[in-house]
């Protein structure tokens, strides 16, 4: 991942209650279904550079926006490889990503991965390939974990996406400092 980017998105919850002065929910937040659970809020999409280092791109959208629609905004254009989870299936066929000269490494959907026959040499190679992609993609999870667990950014704080996206920019900058401090303290 020396000349690449790992991309991912994370849900950030918003209050779904209408017990406020206006009697309405935040109109910029939406609901989405993940698994069998409905969530209301926004999504933070990030692009991370090599070694879980710089978060070079942050995009905030409503929760119902599909991850693959923001893929073109998460790359800076100079990378050779882009690693993404299964939510980015079909990204290389989209019109908005045609100008990007990177090779997309997108994970298999979990159901298809379970169907791989690891006793067959082709299946074993495909499984190893998925494990390598997962190890590289894990780099993008670290900044998201830090802003959610260390800084408590599991719920939006403000009304509107612009303010919450700005707060996410701030928290991601602090997460880089926190991870550097943590790494220095362990060495």
N, C-alpha and C. Protein backbone atom coordinates (compact mmCIF):
# COMPACT_ATOMS: atom_id res chain seq x y z
N UNK A 1 0.83 -1.20 0.00
CA UNK A 1 0.00 0.00 0.00
C UNK A 1 0.87 1.26 0.00
N UNK A 2 2.02 1.21 -0.61
CA UNK A 2 2.88 2.39 -0.66
C UNK A 2 2.32 3.45 -1.60
N UNK A 3 1.70 3.05 -2.69
CA UNK A 3 1.10 4.00 -3.63
C UNK A 3 -0.37 3.70 -3.77
N UNK A 4 -1.05 3.54 -2.66
CA UNK A 4 -2.46 3.17 -2.74
C UNK A 4 -3.31 3.88 -1.72
N UNK A 5 -4.57 3.51 -1.76
CA UNK A 5 -5.56 4.07 -0.86
C UNK A 5 -6.49 2.96 -0.43
N UNK A 6 -6.90 3.00 0.82
CA UNK A 6 -7.96 2.12 1.31
C UNK A 6 -9.15 3.00 1.62
N UNK A 7 -10.33 2.59 1.17
CA UNK A 7 -11.54 3.40 1.37
C UNK A 7 -12.56 2.61 2.18
N UNK A 8 -13.35 3.34 2.96
CA UNK A 8 -14.40 2.71 3.75
C UNK A 8 -15.40 3.78 4.18
N UNK A 9 -16.52 3.32 4.69
CA UNK A 9 -17.55 4.22 5.21
C UNK A 9 -18.03 3.70 6.55
N UNK A 10 -18.48 4.60 7.40
CA UNK A 10 -18.96 4.23 8.71
C UNK A 10 -20.23 5.00 9.03
N UNK A 11 -21.19 4.32 9.61
CA UNK A 11 -22.44 4.96 10.02
C UNK A 11 -22.23 5.74 11.32
N UNK A 12 -22.82 6.92 11.38
CA UNK A 12 -22.81 7.72 12.60
C UNK A 12 -24.26 8.03 12.90
N UNK A 13 -24.71 7.61 14.04
CA UNK A 13 -26.13 7.72 14.39
C UNK A 13 -26.53 9.15 14.69
N UNK A 14 -27.80 9.43 14.43
CA UNK A 14 -28.41 10.71 14.76
C UNK A 14 -29.68 10.44 15.54
N UNK A 15 -30.12 11.37 16.36
CA UNK A 15 -31.36 11.14 17.10
C UNK A 15 -32.55 11.06 16.15
N UNK A 16 -33.32 10.01 16.26
CA UNK A 16 -34.49 9.86 15.40
C UNK A 16 -35.74 10.42 16.05
N UNK A 17 -35.62 10.92 17.24
CA UNK A 17 -36.76 11.45 17.97
C UNK A 17 -37.25 12.76 17.36
N UNK A 18 -38.53 13.00 17.46
CA UNK A 18 -39.10 14.26 17.01
C UNK A 18 -39.52 15.12 18.19
N UNK A 19 -39.03 14.77 19.37
CA UNK A 19 -39.37 15.54 20.57
C UNK A 19 -38.38 16.68 20.75
N UNK A 20 -38.48 17.66 19.87
CA UNK A 20 -37.64 18.84 19.95
C UNK A 20 -38.51 20.07 19.69
N UNK A 21 -37.90 21.23 19.62
CA UNK A 21 -38.68 22.46 19.48
C UNK A 21 -39.43 22.54 18.15
N UNK A 22 -38.86 21.97 17.08
CA UNK A 22 -39.53 22.03 15.78
C UNK A 22 -40.44 20.84 15.54
N UNK A 23 -40.26 19.78 16.29
CA UNK A 23 -41.10 18.59 16.13
C UNK A 23 -40.75 17.75 14.90
N UNK A 24 -39.51 17.93 14.39
CA UNK A 24 -39.08 17.18 13.20
C UNK A 24 -37.71 16.59 13.41
N UNK A 25 -37.41 15.59 12.59
CA UNK A 25 -36.05 15.04 12.56
C UNK A 25 -35.17 15.95 11.72
N UNK A 26 -33.87 15.70 11.77
CA UNK A 26 -32.93 16.44 10.94
C UNK A 26 -33.20 16.05 9.48
N UNK A 27 -33.56 16.98 8.61
CA UNK A 27 -33.90 16.63 7.23
C UNK A 27 -32.70 16.15 6.40
N UNK A 28 -31.48 16.43 6.84
CA UNK A 28 -30.31 16.00 6.08
C UNK A 28 -29.85 14.59 6.45
N UNK A 29 -30.42 14.02 7.48
CA UNK A 29 -30.09 12.66 7.90
C UNK A 29 -31.17 11.72 7.36
N UNK A 30 -30.79 10.49 7.10
CA UNK A 30 -31.74 9.51 6.57
C UNK A 30 -31.53 8.18 7.26
N UNK A 31 -32.44 7.26 7.01
CA UNK A 31 -32.31 5.93 7.59
C UNK A 31 -31.83 4.94 6.55
N UNK A 32 -31.18 3.90 7.04
CA UNK A 32 -30.69 2.84 6.18
C UNK A 32 -30.76 1.53 6.94
N UNK A 33 -30.77 0.44 6.20
CA UNK A 33 -30.82 -0.87 6.82
C UNK A 33 -29.47 -1.55 6.63
N UNK A 34 -28.88 -1.98 7.72
CA UNK A 34 -27.61 -2.71 7.68
C UNK A 34 -27.85 -4.03 8.37
N UNK A 35 -27.84 -5.11 7.61
CA UNK A 35 -28.22 -6.40 8.16
C UNK A 35 -29.71 -6.40 8.40
N UNK A 36 -30.12 -6.66 9.62
CA UNK A 36 -31.53 -6.62 9.98
C UNK A 36 -31.85 -5.43 10.87
N UNK A 37 -30.94 -4.47 10.97
CA UNK A 37 -31.14 -3.33 11.85
C UNK A 37 -31.24 -2.05 11.05
N UNK A 38 -32.21 -1.23 11.41
CA UNK A 38 -32.37 0.08 10.79
C UNK A 38 -31.60 1.12 11.60
N UNK A 39 -30.86 1.97 10.91
CA UNK A 39 -30.11 3.05 11.54
C UNK A 39 -30.52 4.37 10.92
N UNK A 40 -30.51 5.43 11.72
CA UNK A 40 -30.83 6.77 11.25
C UNK A 40 -29.62 7.65 11.52
N UNK A 41 -29.16 8.37 10.50
CA UNK A 41 -28.02 9.25 10.71
C UNK A 41 -27.31 9.59 9.43
N UNK A 42 -25.99 9.61 9.51
CA UNK A 42 -25.16 9.95 8.37
C UNK A 42 -24.04 8.94 8.21
N UNK A 43 -23.35 9.00 7.07
CA UNK A 43 -22.20 8.16 6.82
C UNK A 43 -20.98 9.04 6.64
N UNK A 44 -19.88 8.59 7.20
CA UNK A 44 -18.61 9.24 6.98
C UNK A 44 -17.77 8.34 6.09
N UNK A 45 -17.42 8.81 4.91
CA UNK A 45 -16.61 8.05 3.96
C UNK A 45 -15.19 8.59 4.05
N UNK A 46 -14.19 7.71 4.17
CA UNK A 46 -12.81 8.18 4.26
C UNK A 46 -11.92 7.41 3.30
N UNK A 47 -10.86 8.08 2.87
CA UNK A 47 -9.79 7.48 2.09
C UNK A 47 -8.51 7.62 2.89
N UNK A 48 -7.82 6.50 3.10
CA UNK A 48 -6.62 6.48 3.95
C UNK A 48 -5.42 6.11 3.10
N UNK A 49 -4.32 6.80 3.33
CA UNK A 49 -3.08 6.54 2.62
C UNK A 49 -2.32 5.37 3.23
N UNK A 50 -1.07 5.19 2.84
CA UNK A 50 -0.28 4.04 3.26
C UNK A 50 -0.04 3.98 4.77
N UNK A 51 0.11 2.78 5.27
CA UNK A 51 0.46 2.49 6.67
C UNK A 51 -0.52 3.09 7.67
N UNK A 52 -1.78 3.12 7.34
CA UNK A 52 -2.81 3.66 8.21
C UNK A 52 -2.48 5.09 8.58
N UNK A 53 -1.77 5.75 7.71
CA UNK A 53 -1.29 7.09 7.99
C UNK A 53 -2.31 8.15 7.68
N UNK A 54 -2.01 8.97 6.70
CA UNK A 54 -2.85 10.15 6.51
C UNK A 54 -4.23 9.81 5.96
N UNK A 55 -5.24 10.33 6.62
CA UNK A 55 -6.58 10.28 6.07
C UNK A 55 -6.64 11.47 5.13
N UNK A 56 -6.58 11.20 3.83
CA UNK A 56 -6.48 12.30 2.88
C UNK A 56 -7.83 12.78 2.38
N UNK A 57 -8.91 12.01 2.58
CA UNK A 57 -10.21 12.44 2.09
C UNK A 57 -11.30 12.06 3.07
N UNK A 58 -12.20 12.99 3.32
CA UNK A 58 -13.37 12.75 4.17
C UNK A 58 -14.59 13.32 3.45
N UNK A 59 -15.62 12.49 3.33
CA UNK A 59 -16.88 12.93 2.72
C UNK A 59 -18.01 12.52 3.65
N UNK A 60 -18.89 13.44 3.96
CA UNK A 60 -20.05 13.14 4.77
C UNK A 60 -21.30 13.12 3.91
N UNK A 61 -22.12 12.06 4.06
CA UNK A 61 -23.36 11.95 3.30
C UNK A 61 -24.46 11.44 4.23
N UNK A 62 -25.67 11.41 3.71
CA UNK A 62 -26.77 10.81 4.45
C UNK A 62 -26.52 9.31 4.53
N UNK A 63 -27.12 8.65 5.51
CA UNK A 63 -26.87 7.23 5.73
C UNK A 63 -27.35 6.35 4.59
N UNK A 64 -28.34 6.81 3.82
CA UNK A 64 -28.88 5.97 2.76
C UNK A 64 -28.08 6.04 1.46
N UNK A 65 -27.01 6.79 1.42
CA UNK A 65 -26.17 6.89 0.22
C UNK A 65 -25.27 5.66 0.15
N UNK A 66 -25.28 5.00 -1.00
CA UNK A 66 -24.48 3.80 -1.19
C UNK A 66 -22.99 4.15 -1.21
N UNK A 67 -22.17 3.29 -0.63
CA UNK A 67 -20.73 3.53 -0.55
C UNK A 67 -20.09 3.73 -1.92
N UNK A 68 -20.50 2.93 -2.89
CA UNK A 68 -19.86 2.94 -4.20
C UNK A 68 -20.06 4.28 -4.92
N UNK A 69 -21.10 5.03 -4.57
CA UNK A 69 -21.34 6.31 -5.24
C UNK A 69 -20.32 7.37 -4.84
N UNK A 70 -19.62 7.18 -3.73
CA UNK A 70 -18.63 8.15 -3.27
C UNK A 70 -17.20 7.72 -3.56
N UNK A 71 -17.01 6.60 -4.25
CA UNK A 71 -15.67 6.06 -4.48
C UNK A 71 -14.78 7.04 -5.24
N UNK A 72 -15.33 7.71 -6.23
CA UNK A 72 -14.52 8.65 -7.02
C UNK A 72 -14.01 9.82 -6.19
N UNK A 73 -14.74 10.20 -5.16
CA UNK A 73 -14.34 11.34 -4.32
C UNK A 73 -13.32 10.95 -3.27
N UNK A 74 -13.12 9.66 -3.03
CA UNK A 74 -12.23 9.22 -1.96
C UNK A 74 -10.80 8.95 -2.42
N UNK A 75 -10.54 9.01 -3.69
CA UNK A 75 -9.19 8.78 -4.19
C UNK A 75 -8.59 10.11 -4.64
N UNK A 76 -7.28 10.24 -4.54
CA UNK A 76 -6.64 11.49 -4.93
C UNK A 76 -6.14 11.47 -6.35
N UNK A 77 -6.15 10.30 -7.01
CA UNK A 77 -5.82 10.21 -8.43
C UNK A 77 -4.41 9.76 -8.74
N UNK A 78 -3.52 9.72 -7.75
CA UNK A 78 -2.14 9.33 -8.01
C UNK A 78 -1.83 7.93 -7.50
N UNK A 79 -2.82 7.21 -7.00
CA UNK A 79 -2.56 5.89 -6.46
C UNK A 79 -2.57 4.84 -7.58
N UNK A 80 -1.85 3.75 -7.33
CA UNK A 80 -1.82 2.64 -8.27
C UNK A 80 -2.88 1.61 -7.90
N UNK A 81 -3.19 1.48 -6.62
CA UNK A 81 -4.14 0.48 -6.14
C UNK A 81 -5.10 1.13 -5.15
N UNK A 82 -6.35 0.66 -5.19
CA UNK A 82 -7.36 1.09 -4.22
C UNK A 82 -7.99 -0.17 -3.64
N UNK A 83 -8.04 -0.26 -2.31
CA UNK A 83 -8.61 -1.41 -1.62
C UNK A 83 -9.92 -1.00 -0.97
N UNK A 84 -10.95 -1.83 -1.17
CA UNK A 84 -12.28 -1.50 -0.67
C UNK A 84 -13.00 -2.76 -0.23
N UNK A 85 -14.01 -2.59 0.64
CA UNK A 85 -14.80 -3.74 1.08
C UNK A 85 -15.88 -4.07 0.05
N UNK A 86 -16.73 -5.02 0.38
CA UNK A 86 -17.72 -5.53 -0.57
C UNK A 86 -18.77 -4.49 -0.94
N UNK A 87 -18.90 -3.42 -0.19
CA UNK A 87 -19.85 -2.37 -0.51
C UNK A 87 -19.49 -1.60 -1.77
N UNK A 88 -18.30 -1.80 -2.27
CA UNK A 88 -17.83 -1.11 -3.47
C UNK A 88 -17.83 -2.01 -4.70
N UNK A 89 -18.59 -3.11 -4.66
CA UNK A 89 -18.69 -4.00 -5.81
C UNK A 89 -19.18 -3.23 -7.03
N UNK A 90 -18.54 -3.43 -8.17
CA UNK A 90 -18.93 -2.78 -9.41
C UNK A 90 -18.38 -1.38 -9.59
N UNK A 91 -17.46 -0.97 -8.74
CA UNK A 91 -16.92 0.38 -8.81
C UNK A 91 -16.17 0.64 -10.11
N UNK A 92 -15.51 -0.37 -10.65
CA UNK A 92 -14.74 -0.17 -11.87
C UNK A 92 -15.62 -0.01 -13.11
N UNK A 93 -16.90 -0.31 -13.01
CA UNK A 93 -17.83 -0.18 -14.14
C UNK A 93 -18.58 1.16 -14.12
N UNK A 94 -18.45 1.93 -13.07
CA UNK A 94 -19.18 3.19 -12.94
C UNK A 94 -18.54 4.27 -13.80
N UNK A 95 -19.37 5.16 -14.33
CA UNK A 95 -18.88 6.24 -15.18
C UNK A 95 -17.98 7.21 -14.42
N UNK A 96 -18.32 7.51 -13.17
CA UNK A 96 -17.55 8.50 -12.43
C UNK A 96 -16.18 8.01 -12.00
N UNK A 97 -15.89 6.72 -12.13
CA UNK A 97 -14.56 6.21 -11.78
C UNK A 97 -13.75 5.80 -13.01
N UNK A 98 -14.26 6.04 -14.19
CA UNK A 98 -13.56 5.64 -15.41
C UNK A 98 -12.24 6.38 -15.61
N UNK A 99 -12.15 7.62 -15.17
CA UNK A 99 -10.92 8.39 -15.34
C UNK A 99 -9.83 8.05 -14.33
N UNK A 100 -10.15 7.24 -13.34
CA UNK A 100 -9.17 6.88 -12.31
C UNK A 100 -8.35 5.70 -12.81
N UNK A 101 -7.05 5.85 -12.85
CA UNK A 101 -6.17 4.84 -13.42
C UNK A 101 -5.67 3.83 -12.39
N UNK A 102 -6.32 3.72 -11.28
CA UNK A 102 -5.91 2.78 -10.23
C UNK A 102 -6.56 1.42 -10.45
N UNK A 103 -5.92 0.39 -9.92
CA UNK A 103 -6.49 -0.96 -9.95
C UNK A 103 -7.31 -1.14 -8.68
N UNK A 104 -8.59 -1.48 -8.82
CA UNK A 104 -9.49 -1.62 -7.69
C UNK A 104 -9.43 -3.04 -7.16
N UNK A 105 -9.16 -3.21 -5.88
CA UNK A 105 -9.16 -4.50 -5.20
C UNK A 105 -10.36 -4.51 -4.25
N UNK A 106 -11.46 -5.06 -4.70
CA UNK A 106 -12.70 -5.05 -3.93
C UNK A 106 -12.94 -6.45 -3.38
N UNK A 107 -13.32 -6.53 -2.12
CA UNK A 107 -13.54 -7.81 -1.46
C UNK A 107 -14.76 -8.52 -2.04
N UNK A 108 -14.73 -9.83 -1.94
CA UNK A 108 -15.91 -10.62 -2.31
C UNK A 108 -17.00 -10.41 -1.28
N UNK A 109 -18.22 -10.55 -1.70
CA UNK A 109 -19.34 -10.51 -0.76
C UNK A 109 -19.20 -11.71 0.18
N UNK A 110 -19.58 -11.58 1.45
CA UNK A 110 -19.41 -12.67 2.41
C UNK A 110 -20.06 -13.99 1.97
N UNK A 111 -21.22 -13.93 1.35
CA UNK A 111 -21.89 -15.15 0.89
C UNK A 111 -21.09 -15.87 -0.18
N UNK A 112 -20.48 -15.12 -1.09
CA UNK A 112 -19.66 -15.73 -2.14
C UNK A 112 -18.35 -16.26 -1.56
N UNK A 113 -17.82 -15.58 -0.57
CA UNK A 113 -16.58 -16.05 0.04
C UNK A 113 -16.79 -17.37 0.78
N UNK A 114 -17.96 -17.52 1.41
CA UNK A 114 -18.26 -18.77 2.11
C UNK A 114 -18.39 -19.94 1.14
N UNK A 115 -18.75 -19.64 -0.10
CA UNK A 115 -18.91 -20.70 -1.10
C UNK A 115 -17.59 -21.19 -1.70
N UNK A 116 -16.49 -20.50 -1.42
CA UNK A 116 -15.20 -20.93 -1.96
C UNK A 116 -14.82 -22.30 -1.41
N UNK A 117 -14.40 -23.18 -2.29
CA UNK A 117 -13.95 -24.51 -1.90
C UNK A 117 -12.44 -24.46 -1.67
N UNK A 118 -12.03 -24.40 -0.41
CA UNK A 118 -10.60 -24.26 -0.09
C UNK A 118 -9.81 -25.54 -0.30
N UNK A 119 -10.49 -26.66 -0.52
CA UNK A 119 -9.76 -27.89 -0.82
C UNK A 119 -9.29 -27.90 -2.27
N UNK A 120 -9.93 -27.13 -3.11
CA UNK A 120 -9.53 -26.98 -4.51
C UNK A 120 -8.41 -25.92 -4.57
N UNK A 121 -7.36 -26.13 -5.37
CA UNK A 121 -6.27 -25.15 -5.43
C UNK A 121 -6.73 -23.74 -5.83
N UNK A 122 -7.66 -23.65 -6.77
CA UNK A 122 -8.16 -22.34 -7.19
C UNK A 122 -8.90 -21.64 -6.03
N UNK A 123 -9.69 -22.40 -5.32
CA UNK A 123 -10.42 -21.86 -4.18
C UNK A 123 -9.49 -21.43 -3.06
N UNK A 124 -8.44 -22.22 -2.82
CA UNK A 124 -7.46 -21.88 -1.78
C UNK A 124 -6.72 -20.60 -2.12
N UNK A 125 -6.36 -20.44 -3.39
CA UNK A 125 -5.67 -19.21 -3.82
C UNK A 125 -6.61 -18.01 -3.69
N UNK A 126 -7.86 -18.18 -4.08
CA UNK A 126 -8.83 -17.09 -3.96
C UNK A 126 -9.04 -16.70 -2.50
N UNK A 127 -9.08 -17.68 -1.60
CA UNK A 127 -9.23 -17.39 -0.17
C UNK A 127 -8.02 -16.64 0.37
N UNK A 128 -6.82 -17.04 -0.02
CA UNK A 128 -5.60 -16.34 0.41
C UNK A 128 -5.58 -14.91 -0.12
N UNK A 129 -6.05 -14.73 -1.35
CA UNK A 129 -6.12 -13.41 -1.95
C UNK A 129 -7.07 -12.51 -1.15
N UNK A 130 -8.19 -13.07 -0.72
CA UNK A 130 -9.15 -12.31 0.10
C UNK A 130 -8.55 -11.95 1.46
N UNK A 131 -7.76 -12.85 2.04
CA UNK A 131 -7.12 -12.57 3.32
C UNK A 131 -6.11 -11.42 3.20
N UNK A 132 -5.36 -11.41 2.11
CA UNK A 132 -4.39 -10.33 1.88
C UNK A 132 -5.12 -9.00 1.72
N UNK A 133 -6.21 -9.00 0.94
CA UNK A 133 -6.99 -7.78 0.76
C UNK A 133 -7.55 -7.30 2.10
N UNK A 134 -7.99 -8.22 2.93
CA UNK A 134 -8.56 -7.85 4.23
C UNK A 134 -7.49 -7.25 5.15
N UNK A 135 -6.28 -7.79 5.11
CA UNK A 135 -5.20 -7.24 5.94
C UNK A 135 -4.87 -5.81 5.53
N UNK A 136 -4.86 -5.55 4.25
CA UNK A 136 -4.56 -4.20 3.76
C UNK A 136 -5.72 -3.26 4.08
N UNK A 137 -6.94 -3.74 3.86
CA UNK A 137 -8.13 -2.92 4.13
C UNK A 137 -8.29 -2.59 5.61
N UNK A 138 -7.73 -3.38 6.48
CA UNK A 138 -7.84 -3.13 7.92
C UNK A 138 -7.22 -1.80 8.30
N UNK A 139 -6.31 -1.29 7.49
CA UNK A 139 -5.65 0.00 7.77
C UNK A 139 -6.66 1.14 7.85
N UNK A 140 -7.73 1.06 7.06
CA UNK A 140 -8.72 2.13 7.04
C UNK A 140 -9.63 2.07 8.27
N UNK A 141 -9.68 0.94 8.93
CA UNK A 141 -10.53 0.80 10.11
C UNK A 141 -9.95 1.48 11.35
N UNK A 142 -8.63 1.63 11.42
CA UNK A 142 -8.00 2.19 12.61
C UNK A 142 -8.44 3.62 12.90
N UNK A 143 -8.39 4.55 11.92
CA UNK A 143 -8.85 5.91 12.24
C UNK A 143 -10.33 5.95 12.62
N UNK A 144 -11.14 5.12 11.98
CA UNK A 144 -12.57 5.08 12.31
C UNK A 144 -12.78 4.57 13.74
N UNK A 145 -12.01 3.57 14.13
CA UNK A 145 -12.13 3.05 15.49
C UNK A 145 -11.72 4.11 16.52
N UNK A 146 -10.65 4.82 16.23
CA UNK A 146 -10.17 5.84 17.17
C UNK A 146 -11.20 6.94 17.35
N UNK A 147 -11.80 7.44 16.26
CA UNK A 147 -12.75 8.54 16.44
C UNK A 147 -14.03 8.06 17.11
N UNK A 148 -14.36 6.79 16.95
CA UNK A 148 -15.58 6.29 17.60
C UNK A 148 -15.34 5.89 19.05
N UNK A 149 -14.25 5.23 19.34
CA UNK A 149 -14.01 4.71 20.70
C UNK A 149 -13.27 5.70 21.59
N UNK A 150 -12.19 6.29 21.09
CA UNK A 150 -11.40 7.19 21.93
C UNK A 150 -12.06 8.57 22.05
N UNK A 151 -12.67 9.05 20.96
CA UNK A 151 -13.24 10.40 20.96
C UNK A 151 -14.76 10.40 21.02
N UNK A 152 -15.40 9.25 21.07
CA UNK A 152 -16.84 9.16 21.27
C UNK A 152 -17.69 9.68 20.13
N UNK A 153 -17.21 9.59 18.91
CA UNK A 153 -17.97 10.09 17.77
C UNK A 153 -18.90 9.02 17.22
N UNK A 154 -19.73 8.43 18.07
CA UNK A 154 -20.67 7.41 17.61
C UNK A 154 -22.02 8.01 17.27
N UNK A 155 -22.27 9.24 17.70
CA UNK A 155 -23.49 9.96 17.38
C UNK A 155 -23.14 11.35 16.89
N UNK A 156 -23.99 11.88 16.01
CA UNK A 156 -23.76 13.24 15.54
C UNK A 156 -24.04 14.20 16.69
N UNK A 157 -23.37 15.32 16.63
CA UNK A 157 -23.53 16.28 17.71
C UNK A 157 -24.36 17.49 17.28
N UNK A 158 -24.33 17.77 16.00
CA UNK A 158 -24.99 18.97 15.49
C UNK A 158 -26.11 18.61 14.53
N UNK A 159 -26.90 19.59 14.16
CA UNK A 159 -27.94 19.42 13.16
C UNK A 159 -27.36 19.85 11.82
N UNK A 160 -27.48 18.97 10.82
CA UNK A 160 -26.95 19.27 9.49
C UNK A 160 -25.66 18.52 9.21
N UNK A 161 -25.46 18.21 7.95
CA UNK A 161 -24.29 17.43 7.56
C UNK A 161 -23.00 18.22 7.52
N UNK A 162 -23.06 19.48 7.16
CA UNK A 162 -21.83 20.27 7.04
C UNK A 162 -21.11 20.37 8.38
N UNK A 163 -21.84 20.66 9.45
CA UNK A 163 -21.22 20.77 10.77
C UNK A 163 -20.67 19.43 11.24
N UNK A 164 -21.42 18.37 11.01
CA UNK A 164 -20.97 17.04 11.44
C UNK A 164 -19.79 16.54 10.63
N UNK A 165 -19.74 16.88 9.34
CA UNK A 165 -18.59 16.51 8.52
C UNK A 165 -17.36 17.30 8.97
N UNK A 166 -17.53 18.57 9.31
CA UNK A 166 -16.42 19.37 9.83
C UNK A 166 -15.90 18.78 11.14
N UNK A 167 -16.82 18.33 12.00
CA UNK A 167 -16.40 17.71 13.24
C UNK A 167 -15.64 16.41 12.96
N UNK A 168 -16.07 15.67 11.94
CA UNK A 168 -15.37 14.43 11.59
C UNK A 168 -13.96 14.73 11.08
N UNK A 169 -13.80 15.81 10.30
CA UNK A 169 -12.46 16.24 9.88
C UNK A 169 -11.58 16.50 11.11
N UNK A 170 -12.11 17.22 12.07
CA UNK A 170 -11.39 17.55 13.29
C UNK A 170 -11.01 16.29 14.06
N UNK A 171 -11.96 15.40 14.23
CA UNK A 171 -11.69 14.16 14.98
C UNK A 171 -10.67 13.28 14.26
N UNK A 172 -10.71 13.23 12.94
CA UNK A 172 -9.73 12.43 12.20
C UNK A 172 -8.34 13.02 12.32
N UNK A 173 -8.22 14.33 12.35
CA UNK A 173 -6.92 14.96 12.57
C UNK A 173 -6.40 14.61 13.97
N UNK A 174 -7.29 14.65 14.95
CA UNK A 174 -6.89 14.28 16.31
C UNK A 174 -6.54 12.80 16.39
N UNK A 175 -7.21 11.96 15.62
CA UNK A 175 -6.92 10.52 15.65
C UNK A 175 -5.52 10.24 15.13
N UNK A 176 -5.08 11.00 14.15
CA UNK A 176 -3.72 10.83 13.63
C UNK A 176 -2.71 11.16 14.72
N UNK A 177 -2.94 12.23 15.47
CA UNK A 177 -2.05 12.59 16.58
C UNK A 177 -2.09 11.52 17.67
N UNK A 178 -3.28 11.04 17.98
CA UNK A 178 -3.44 10.02 19.02
C UNK A 178 -2.71 8.73 18.63
N UNK A 179 -2.85 8.31 17.36
CA UNK A 179 -2.18 7.08 16.92
C UNK A 179 -0.66 7.25 16.91
N UNK A 180 -0.17 8.44 16.52
CA UNK A 180 1.28 8.68 16.55
C UNK A 180 1.79 8.67 17.99
N UNK A 181 1.06 9.30 18.91
CA UNK A 181 1.45 9.29 20.33
C UNK A 181 1.46 7.88 20.86
N UNK A 182 0.44 7.12 20.54
CA UNK A 182 0.33 5.73 21.01
C UNK A 182 1.48 4.88 20.49
N UNK A 183 1.83 5.05 19.22
CA UNK A 183 2.93 4.29 18.63
C UNK A 183 4.26 4.67 19.28
N UNK A 184 4.44 5.95 19.57
CA UNK A 184 5.68 6.39 20.19
C UNK A 184 5.80 5.87 21.62
N UNK A 185 4.68 5.78 22.34
CA UNK A 185 4.72 5.30 23.71
C UNK A 185 5.03 3.81 23.79
N UNK A 186 4.72 3.04 22.75
CA UNK A 186 4.97 1.61 22.78
C UNK A 186 6.38 1.26 22.33
N UNK A 187 7.09 2.21 21.69
CA UNK A 187 8.45 1.90 21.23
C UNK A 187 9.49 2.37 22.19
